[in-house]
Amino acid sequence: MIKVTRINGGAFVVNSELIEFIEEKPETIICLTTGKRIMIRESVEDVIDKVAKFKGVIYARGIEFNSIETGKPIKPKLEVS
């Protein structure tokens, strides 16, 4: 999940797994696999960075859980802004 801002200023969270593609013309439009299109203030690059950071946290948590199962806990820093 990533937090983005609508053109009117309202913040909301979108499931990044549902993003099919992102357009910039000149406003940024997130197109979801559901067919829904959402116009936001963030740039394409900002959205890509947010998705990459979110997925990094998710994968790091997976590593932490797997390590606990093997008896070798790893506690990576988990930060999402």
C-alpha atoms as a PDB file:
ATOM      1  CA  MET A   1       0.000   0.000   0.000  1.00  0.00           C
ATOM      2  CA  ILE A   2       1.270   3.461  -0.861  1.00  0.00           C
ATOM      3  CA  LYS A   3       0.012   6.874   0.216  1.00  0.00           C
ATOM      4  CA  VAL A   4      -0.673   9.382  -2.575  1.00  0.00           C
ATOM      5  CA  THR A   5      -2.514  12.695  -2.939  1.00  0.00           C
ATOM      6  CA  ARG A   6      -5.485  13.440  -5.155  1.00  0.00           C
ATOM      7  CA  ILE A   7      -5.377  16.603  -7.271  1.00  0.00           C
ATOM      8  CA  ASN A   8      -7.847  18.218  -4.830  1.00  0.00           C
ATOM      9  CA  GLY A   9      -5.426  17.617  -1.933  1.00  0.00           C
ATOM     10  CA  GLY A  10      -7.045  14.596  -0.305  1.00  0.00           C
ATOM     11  CA  ALA A  11      -4.591  11.899   0.728  1.00  0.00           C
ATOM     12  CA  PHE A  12      -5.439   8.210   0.332  1.00  0.00           C
ATOM     13  CA  VAL A  13      -3.781   4.808   0.190  1.00  0.00           C
ATOM     14  CA  VAL A  14      -3.773   2.616  -2.912  1.00  0.00           C
ATOM     15  CA  ASN A  15      -2.922  -1.074  -3.197  1.00  0.00           C
ATOM     16  CA  SER A  16       0.286  -0.995  -5.238  1.00  0.00           C
ATOM     17  CA  GLU A  17      -0.355  -4.570  -6.411  1.00  0.00           C
ATOM     18  CA  LEU A  18      -3.334  -3.263  -8.421  1.00  0.00           C
ATOM     19  CA  ILE A  19      -1.323  -0.684 -10.398  1.00  0.00           C
ATOM     20  CA  GLU A  20      -1.289  -1.716 -14.062  1.00  0.00           C
ATOM     21  CA  PHE A  21       0.440   1.385 -15.414  1.00  0.00           C
ATOM     22  CA  ILE A  22       0.994   5.080 -14.691  1.00  0.00           C
ATOM     23  CA  GLU A  23       0.559   7.922 -17.192  1.00  0.00           C
ATOM     24  CA  GLU A  24       1.891  11.465 -17.060  1.00  0.00           C
ATOM     25  CA  LYS A  25       0.137  13.947 -19.362  1.00  0.00           C
ATOM     26  CA  PRO A  26       1.005  16.414 -17.640  1.00  0.00           C
ATOM     27  CA  GLU A  27      -0.868  15.275 -14.489  1.00  0.00           C
ATOM     28  CA  THR A  28      -0.128  11.804 -13.178  1.00  0.00           C
ATOM     29  CA  ILE A  29      -2.813   9.136 -13.596  1.00  0.00           C
ATOM     30  CA  ILE A  30      -2.627   5.750 -11.883  1.00  0.00           C
ATOM     31  CA  CYS A  31      -4.469   3.086 -13.891  1.00  0.00           C
ATOM     32  CA  LEU A  32      -5.510   0.066 -11.869  1.00  0.00           C
ATOM     33  CA  THR A  33      -6.154  -3.491 -13.017  1.00  0.00           C
ATOM     34  CA  THR A  34      -9.789  -2.915 -12.009  1.00  0.00           C
ATOM     35  CA  GLY A  35     -10.150  -0.285 -14.748  1.00  0.00           C
ATOM     36  CA  LYS A  36     -10.244   2.595 -12.287  1.00  0.00           C
ATOM     37  CA  ARG A  37      -8.126   5.663 -13.099  1.00  0.00           C
ATOM     38  CA  ILE A  38      -6.952   8.025 -10.359  1.00  0.00           C
ATOM     39  CA  MET A  39      -5.426  11.469 -10.966  1.00  0.00           C
ATOM     40  CA  ILE A  40      -2.772  12.359  -8.373  1.00  0.00           C
ATOM     41  CA  ARG A  41      -0.272  15.115  -7.538  1.00  0.00           C
ATOM     42  CA  GLU A  42       2.821  12.911  -7.286  1.00  0.00           C
ATOM     43  CA  SER A  43       5.075  12.342 -10.298  1.00  0.00           C
ATOM     44  CA  VAL A  44       5.551   8.955 -11.949  1.00  0.00           C
ATOM     45  CA  GLU A  45       9.020   8.787 -10.386  1.00  0.00           C
ATOM     46  CA  ASP A  46       7.572   9.466  -6.907  1.00  0.00           C
ATOM     47  CA  VAL A  47       5.052   6.639  -7.311  1.00  0.00           C
ATOM     48  CA  ILE A  48       7.742   4.237  -8.513  1.00  0.00           C
ATOM     49  CA  ASP A  49       9.924   5.159  -5.516  1.00  0.00           C
ATOM     50  CA  LYS A  50       7.029   4.632  -3.089  1.00  0.00           C
ATOM     51  CA  VAL A  51       6.176   1.234  -4.567  1.00  0.00           C
ATOM     52  CA  ALA A  52       9.831   0.132  -4.519  1.00  0.00           C
ATOM     53  CA  LYS A  53      10.238   1.252  -0.896  1.00  0.00           C
ATOM     54  CA  PHE A  54       7.016  -0.506   0.149  1.00  0.00           C
ATOM     55  CA  LYS A  55       7.990  -3.754  -1.585  1.00  0.00           C
ATOM     56  CA  GLY A  56      11.434  -3.557   0.024  1.00  0.00           C
ATOM     57  CA  VAL A  57       9.806  -3.422   3.456  1.00  0.00           C
ATOM     58  CA  ILE A  58       7.529  -6.345   2.627  1.00  0.00           C
ATOM     59  CA  TYR A  59      10.430  -8.480   1.370  1.00  0.00           C
ATOM     60  CA  ALA A  60      12.551  -7.542   4.388  1.00  0.00           C
ATOM     61  CA  ARG A  61       9.751  -8.681   6.699  1.00  0.00           C
ATOM     62  CA  GLY A  62       9.625 -11.974   4.801  1.00  0.00           C
ATOM     63  CA  ILE A  63      13.332 -12.459   5.378  1.00  0.00           C
ATOM     64  CA  GLU A  64      12.832 -11.702   9.069  1.00  0.00           C
ATOM     65  CA  PHE A  65      10.048 -14.286   9.388  1.00  0.00           C
ATOM     66  CA  ASN A  66      12.004 -16.941   7.490  1.00  0.00           C
ATOM     67  CA  SER A  67      15.040 -16.335   9.658  1.00  0.00           C
ATOM     68  CA  ILE A  68      13.029 -16.699  12.871  1.00  0.00           C
ATOM     69  CA  GLU A  69      11.747 -20.058  11.593  1.00  0.00           C
ATOM     70  CA  THR A  70      15.333 -21.264  11.151  1.00  0.00           C
ATOM     71  CA  GLY A  71      16.329 -19.998  14.591  1.00  0.00           C
ATOM     72  CA  LYS A  72      18.524 -17.182  13.275  1.00  0.00           C
ATOM     73  CA  PRO A  73      16.511 -13.983  13.747  1.00  0.00           C
ATOM     74  CA  ILE A  74      17.440 -10.988  11.652  1.00  0.00           C
ATOM     75  CA  LYS A  75      15.890  -7.622  12.510  1.00  0.00           C
ATOM     76  CA  PRO A  76      16.295  -5.363   9.446  1.00  0.00           C
ATOM     77  CA  LYS A  77      15.297  -1.696   9.718  1.00  0.00           C
ATOM     78  CA  LEU A  78      11.734  -1.366   8.466  1.00  0.00           C
ATOM     79  CA  GLU A  79      10.758   2.193   7.565  1.00  0.00           C
ATOM     80  CA  VAL A  80       7.965   3.427   5.312  1.00  0.00           C
ATOM     81  CA  SER A  81       7.303   7.129   5.019  1.00  0.00           C
END
